[in-house]
N, C-alpha and C. Protein backbone atom coordinates (compact mmCIF):
# COMPACT_ATOMS: atom_id res chain seq x y z
N MET A 1 0.84 -1.17 0.00
CA MET A 1 0.00 0.00 0.00
C MET A 1 0.90 1.24 0.00
N PRO A 2 0.73 2.14 -0.99
CA PRO A 2 1.54 3.35 -1.05
C PRO A 2 1.24 4.28 0.14
N LYS A 3 2.26 4.97 0.60
CA LYS A 3 2.11 5.91 1.71
C LYS A 3 2.57 7.28 1.27
N THR A 4 2.07 8.32 1.93
CA THR A 4 2.46 9.69 1.64
C THR A 4 2.46 10.47 2.94
N LYS A 5 3.08 11.64 2.93
CA LYS A 5 3.20 12.45 4.14
C LYS A 5 2.35 13.70 4.01
N VAL A 6 1.76 14.14 5.11
CA VAL A 6 1.00 15.38 5.15
C VAL A 6 2.00 16.52 5.39
N THR A 7 1.95 17.56 4.56
CA THR A 7 2.88 18.68 4.70
C THR A 7 2.42 19.63 5.80
N SER A 8 3.23 20.64 6.08
CA SER A 8 2.87 21.63 7.11
C SER A 8 1.63 22.43 6.70
N LYS A 9 1.32 22.44 5.39
CA LYS A 9 0.11 23.12 4.90
C LYS A 9 -1.05 22.14 4.74
N PHE A 10 -0.91 20.94 5.30
CA PHE A 10 -1.91 19.89 5.25
C PHE A 10 -2.20 19.42 3.83
N GLN A 11 -1.19 19.44 2.98
CA GLN A 11 -1.33 18.94 1.62
C GLN A 11 -0.80 17.51 1.56
N VAL A 12 -1.37 16.73 0.64
CA VAL A 12 -0.93 15.34 0.46
C VAL A 12 -0.69 15.11 -1.03
N THR A 13 0.35 14.37 -1.35
CA THR A 13 0.63 13.98 -2.73
C THR A 13 0.05 12.60 -2.96
N ILE A 14 -0.72 12.47 -4.03
CA ILE A 14 -1.26 11.15 -4.37
C ILE A 14 -0.11 10.38 -5.01
N PRO A 15 0.24 9.23 -4.45
CA PRO A 15 1.37 8.46 -4.98
C PRO A 15 1.18 8.10 -6.46
N LYS A 16 2.30 8.06 -7.18
CA LYS A 16 2.29 7.80 -8.62
C LYS A 16 1.53 6.53 -8.96
N GLU A 17 1.75 5.48 -8.19
CA GLU A 17 1.08 4.20 -8.44
C GLU A 17 -0.45 4.37 -8.44
N VAL A 18 -0.96 5.15 -7.49
CA VAL A 18 -2.40 5.38 -7.39
C VAL A 18 -2.88 6.30 -8.51
N ARG A 19 -2.13 7.37 -8.79
CA ARG A 19 -2.51 8.30 -9.87
C ARG A 19 -2.64 7.58 -11.19
N GLU A 20 -1.68 6.72 -11.48
CA GLU A 20 -1.70 6.00 -12.75
C GLU A 20 -2.85 4.99 -12.80
N LYS A 21 -3.14 4.37 -11.69
CA LYS A 21 -4.20 3.36 -11.64
C LYS A 21 -5.58 3.99 -11.90
N VAL A 22 -5.83 5.14 -11.31
CA VAL A 22 -7.15 5.78 -11.46
C VAL A 22 -7.18 6.84 -12.56
N GLY A 23 -6.02 7.23 -13.06
CA GLY A 23 -5.97 8.19 -14.16
C GLY A 23 -6.26 9.63 -13.76
N VAL A 24 -5.96 9.97 -12.52
CA VAL A 24 -6.20 11.34 -12.08
C VAL A 24 -5.19 12.28 -12.71
N ARG A 25 -5.63 13.48 -13.05
CA ARG A 25 -4.79 14.47 -13.72
C ARG A 25 -4.72 15.76 -12.90
N PRO A 26 -3.67 16.56 -13.10
CA PRO A 26 -3.57 17.84 -12.40
C PRO A 26 -4.77 18.73 -12.71
N GLY A 27 -5.28 19.39 -11.70
CA GLY A 27 -6.41 20.30 -11.88
C GLY A 27 -7.77 19.65 -11.64
N GLU A 28 -7.80 18.32 -11.53
CA GLU A 28 -9.08 17.67 -11.26
C GLU A 28 -9.55 17.98 -9.85
N ILE A 29 -10.85 17.96 -9.66
CA ILE A 29 -11.44 18.20 -8.36
C ILE A 29 -11.67 16.86 -7.66
N VAL A 30 -11.33 16.79 -6.39
CA VAL A 30 -11.59 15.59 -5.59
C VAL A 30 -12.34 16.01 -4.33
N SER A 31 -13.07 15.07 -3.75
CA SER A 31 -13.71 15.33 -2.46
C SER A 31 -12.96 14.55 -1.40
N VAL A 32 -12.91 15.11 -0.20
CA VAL A 32 -12.22 14.48 0.91
C VAL A 32 -13.23 14.32 2.04
N GLU A 33 -13.34 13.10 2.55
CA GLU A 33 -14.36 12.79 3.55
C GLU A 33 -13.73 11.99 4.68
N SER A 34 -14.11 12.31 5.91
CA SER A 34 -13.62 11.53 7.04
C SER A 34 -14.62 10.42 7.33
N VAL A 35 -14.10 9.22 7.47
CA VAL A 35 -14.94 8.06 7.79
C VAL A 35 -14.87 7.81 9.30
N SER A 36 -13.69 7.92 9.84
CA SER A 36 -13.47 7.75 11.28
C SER A 36 -12.21 8.54 11.63
N GLU A 37 -11.74 8.40 12.85
CA GLU A 37 -10.50 9.09 13.24
C GLU A 37 -9.28 8.53 12.51
N GLU A 38 -9.39 7.33 11.96
CA GLU A 38 -8.27 6.69 11.28
C GLU A 38 -8.41 6.66 9.76
N GLU A 39 -9.59 6.95 9.24
CA GLU A 39 -9.81 6.78 7.79
C GLU A 39 -10.29 8.07 7.13
N ILE A 40 -9.69 8.34 5.97
CA ILE A 40 -10.08 9.46 5.12
C ILE A 40 -10.27 8.91 3.72
N ILE A 41 -11.34 9.31 3.06
CA ILE A 41 -11.60 8.87 1.69
C ILE A 41 -11.41 10.05 0.76
N VAL A 42 -10.64 9.85 -0.30
CA VAL A 42 -10.47 10.85 -1.34
C VAL A 42 -11.15 10.30 -2.59
N ARG A 43 -12.16 11.01 -3.09
CA ARG A 43 -12.89 10.55 -4.27
C ARG A 43 -12.74 11.58 -5.38
N ARG A 44 -12.55 11.07 -6.58
CA ARG A 44 -12.47 11.98 -7.72
C ARG A 44 -13.82 12.07 -8.38
N PHE A 45 -14.08 13.20 -9.00
CA PHE A 45 -15.30 13.39 -9.76
C PHE A 45 -15.04 12.87 -11.17
N ARG A 46 -16.00 12.21 -11.73
CA ARG A 46 -15.86 11.68 -13.08
C ARG A 46 -15.75 12.82 -14.08
N ARG A 47 -14.85 12.66 -15.01
CA ARG A 47 -14.73 13.63 -16.10
C ARG A 47 -15.81 13.33 -17.13
N VAL A 48 -16.44 14.37 -17.62
CA VAL A 48 -17.48 14.22 -18.63
C VAL A 48 -17.07 15.06 -19.83
N LYS A 49 -16.99 14.41 -21.00
CA LYS A 49 -16.57 15.14 -22.20
C LYS A 49 -17.60 16.18 -22.60
N ASP A 50 -18.88 15.81 -22.58
CA ASP A 50 -19.94 16.73 -22.98
C ASP A 50 -21.02 16.74 -21.90
N PRO A 51 -20.89 17.62 -20.88
CA PRO A 51 -21.85 17.61 -19.78
C PRO A 51 -23.28 17.90 -20.22
N LEU A 52 -23.46 18.66 -21.29
CA LEU A 52 -24.81 18.96 -21.76
C LEU A 52 -25.52 17.69 -22.21
N LYS A 53 -24.79 16.78 -22.84
CA LYS A 53 -25.41 15.51 -23.26
C LYS A 53 -25.85 14.70 -22.05
N VAL A 54 -25.12 14.79 -20.97
CA VAL A 54 -25.50 14.07 -19.75
C VAL A 54 -26.77 14.68 -19.17
N LEU A 55 -26.85 16.00 -19.16
CA LEU A 55 -28.01 16.67 -18.59
C LEU A 55 -29.25 16.56 -19.47
N VAL A 56 -29.08 16.74 -20.77
CA VAL A 56 -30.21 16.77 -21.69
C VAL A 56 -30.53 15.39 -22.25
N GLY A 57 -29.52 14.63 -22.51
CA GLY A 57 -29.70 13.31 -23.11
C GLY A 57 -29.09 13.28 -24.50
N GLU A 58 -28.98 12.09 -25.04
CA GLU A 58 -28.35 11.92 -26.35
C GLU A 58 -29.19 12.51 -27.48
N THR A 59 -30.49 12.28 -27.43
CA THR A 59 -31.37 12.77 -28.51
C THR A 59 -32.31 13.83 -27.95
N PRO A 60 -32.47 14.92 -28.67
CA PRO A 60 -33.38 15.97 -28.20
C PRO A 60 -34.83 15.52 -28.26
N SER A 61 -35.65 16.13 -27.43
CA SER A 61 -37.08 15.81 -27.41
C SER A 61 -37.74 16.31 -28.69
N VAL A 62 -38.68 15.53 -29.19
CA VAL A 62 -39.39 15.94 -30.41
C VAL A 62 -40.52 16.89 -30.08
N ARG A 63 -40.90 16.97 -28.81
CA ARG A 63 -41.99 17.85 -28.39
C ARG A 63 -41.47 19.27 -28.25
N HIS A 64 -42.10 20.19 -28.97
CA HIS A 64 -41.72 21.61 -28.88
C HIS A 64 -42.58 22.26 -27.81
N VAL A 65 -41.95 22.90 -26.84
CA VAL A 65 -42.66 23.60 -25.78
C VAL A 65 -42.32 25.08 -25.90
N PRO A 66 -43.34 25.91 -26.15
CA PRO A 66 -43.06 27.36 -26.22
C PRO A 66 -42.52 27.86 -24.89
N ALA A 67 -41.64 28.86 -24.94
CA ALA A 67 -41.00 29.40 -23.75
C ALA A 67 -42.03 29.87 -22.73
N GLU A 68 -43.12 30.49 -23.21
CA GLU A 68 -44.15 30.99 -22.29
C GLU A 68 -44.79 29.85 -21.51
N GLU A 69 -45.10 28.76 -22.21
CA GLU A 69 -45.71 27.60 -21.55
C GLU A 69 -44.74 27.00 -20.52
N PHE A 70 -43.48 26.95 -20.87
CA PHE A 70 -42.46 26.42 -19.96
C PHE A 70 -42.36 27.27 -18.71
N GLU A 71 -42.35 28.60 -18.89
CA GLU A 71 -42.25 29.52 -17.75
C GLU A 71 -43.48 29.42 -16.85
N GLU A 72 -44.68 29.33 -17.46
CA GLU A 72 -45.90 29.21 -16.67
C GLU A 72 -45.88 27.92 -15.84
N GLU A 73 -45.45 26.84 -16.44
CA GLU A 73 -45.38 25.56 -15.75
C GLU A 73 -44.37 25.62 -14.59
N ALA A 74 -43.26 26.28 -14.82
CA ALA A 74 -42.24 26.39 -13.79
C ALA A 74 -42.74 27.25 -12.61
N GLU A 75 -43.51 28.29 -12.91
CA GLU A 75 -44.02 29.18 -11.84
C GLU A 75 -45.07 28.49 -10.98
N THR A 76 -45.81 27.53 -11.52
CA THR A 76 -46.86 26.87 -10.75
C THR A 76 -46.30 25.80 -9.83
N ARG A 77 -45.06 25.47 -9.96
CA ARG A 77 -44.46 24.43 -9.10
C ARG A 77 -43.91 24.99 -7.85
């Protein structure tokens, strides 16, 4: 199991073996969570090439909704 040291600024370097295994790159965002006094979990966020496709879907809807109708529906919720 790779080990690393916490710096005086509380920074940690992800060991090369782990970086290569998960494919993490500089600039990526990770979350850090405490599980117990002895365990910390570092999770990376999945990279998405086209986030709009994830949010909207692969194929656009065939139903046309006028902006006014959409706004009225949103206001009633």
